[in-house]
Protein backbone atom coordinates (compact mmCIF):
# COMPACT_ATOMS: atom_id res chain seq x y z
CA UNK A 1 2.87 -3.15 4.69
CA UNK A 2 6.25 -2.12 3.08
CA UNK A 3 7.04 -2.85 -0.53
CA UNK A 4 10.71 -3.35 -1.42
CA UNK A 5 12.29 -3.43 -4.78
CA UNK A 6 15.69 -5.08 -5.46
CA UNK A 7 17.50 -5.75 -8.61
CA UNK A 8 18.41 -9.37 -9.45
CA UNK A 9 22.00 -8.33 -8.75
CA UNK A 10 21.13 -7.06 -5.18
CA UNK A 11 18.92 -10.09 -4.58
CA UNK A 12 21.79 -12.47 -5.46
CA UNK A 13 24.24 -10.67 -3.38
CA UNK A 14 22.01 -10.27 -0.23
CA UNK A 15 19.31 -12.88 0.03
CA UNK A 16 19.13 -12.30 3.74
CA UNK A 17 18.13 -8.68 3.29
CA UNK A 18 15.48 -9.81 0.78
CA UNK A 19 14.03 -12.52 3.34
CA UNK A 20 13.91 -9.85 6.18
CA UNK A 21 12.15 -7.43 3.89
CA UNK A 22 9.67 -10.11 2.86
CA UNK A 23 8.58 -10.41 6.53
CA UNK A 24 7.18 -6.83 6.28
CA UNK A 25 5.74 -7.04 2.67
CA UNK A 26 6.32 -8.13 -0.84
CA UNK A 27 9.78 -7.80 -2.33
CA UNK A 28 9.69 -7.04 -6.10
CA UNK A 29 12.87 -8.39 -7.90
CA UNK A 30 13.61 -6.66 -11.14
CA UNK A 31 15.43 -7.91 -14.21
CA UNK A 32 16.85 -4.94 -16.17
CA UNK A 33 14.59 -2.57 -14.45
CA UNK A 34 11.46 -4.41 -14.92
CA UNK A 35 9.50 -6.57 -12.25
CA UNK A 36 10.18 -10.21 -12.88
CA UNK A 37 9.51 -11.86 -9.44
CA UNK A 38 7.88 -11.37 -6.15
CA UNK A 39 9.20 -12.81 -2.86
CA UNK A 40 6.52 -13.29 -0.14
CA UNK A 41 6.66 -14.56 3.35
CA UNK A 42 4.97 -18.19 3.59
CA UNK A 43 2.12 -16.69 5.73
CA UNK A 44 1.23 -14.12 3.03
CA UNK A 45 1.47 -16.79 0.44
CA UNK A 46 -0.87 -18.91 2.25
CA UNK A 47 -3.23 -16.07 2.74
CA UNK A 48 -3.37 -15.16 -0.78
CA UNK A 49 -3.74 -18.79 -2.12
CA UNK A 50 -6.17 -19.72 0.54
CA UNK A 51 -4.19 -22.71 1.54
CA UNK A 52 -5.50 -22.71 5.13
CA UNK A 53 -9.07 -22.18 4.12
CA UNK A 54 -11.80 -24.36 5.76
CA UNK A 55 -14.85 -25.56 3.88
CA UNK A 56 -16.85 -22.81 5.73
CA UNK A 57 -14.35 -20.09 4.56
CA UNK A 58 -14.62 -21.49 1.04
CA UNK A 59 -18.36 -21.32 1.02
CA UNK A 60 -18.34 -17.77 2.43
CA UNK A 61 -20.07 -18.88 5.69
CA UNK A 62 -19.77 -16.49 8.66
CA UNK A 63 -17.00 -17.16 11.21
CA UNK A 64 -17.89 -19.53 14.09
CA UNK A 65 -20.30 -21.55 11.93
CA UNK A 66 -18.09 -24.57 12.25
CA UNK A 67 -18.96 -24.65 15.94
CA UNK A 68 -22.71 -25.35 15.14
CA UNK A 69 -23.72 -28.93 15.54
CA UNK A 70 -26.45 -30.32 13.46
CA UNK A 71 -27.91 -33.77 13.40
CA UNK A 72 -29.77 -34.85 10.41
CA UNK A 73 -32.61 -37.75 10.86
CA UNK A 74 -32.00 -40.84 8.97
CA UNK A 75 -34.25 -41.30 6.07
CA UNK A 76 -36.62 -44.20 6.50
CA UNK A 77 -38.22 -44.20 3.07
CA UNK A 78 -36.59 -46.40 0.33
CA UNK A 79 -35.61 -44.66 -2.82
CA UNK A 80 -37.79 -44.90 -5.83
CA UNK A 81 -37.73 -44.44 -9.44
CA UNK A 82 -37.98 -40.91 -10.84
CA UNK A 83 -41.16 -39.94 -12.57
CA UNK A 84 -40.26 -38.38 -15.77
CA UNK A 85 -43.67 -38.00 -17.19
């Protein structure tokens, strides 16, 4: 991963360069010498935000778990009131 730093002026003058650099890693855009923004590829953004996560990923289950088929038997008993005593 390559980190690129561009001033706001450089970014404004050559956005194509910034987009190409973002394909290889984050691009820090500075304002008066201080980092102000970061440009990322959409793939990296989605990876960081978890946008493409499945429920199994979110729960931390191991890879391949979504291929397991489970059938739950239907409950035949009727619901009853809770015994709070």
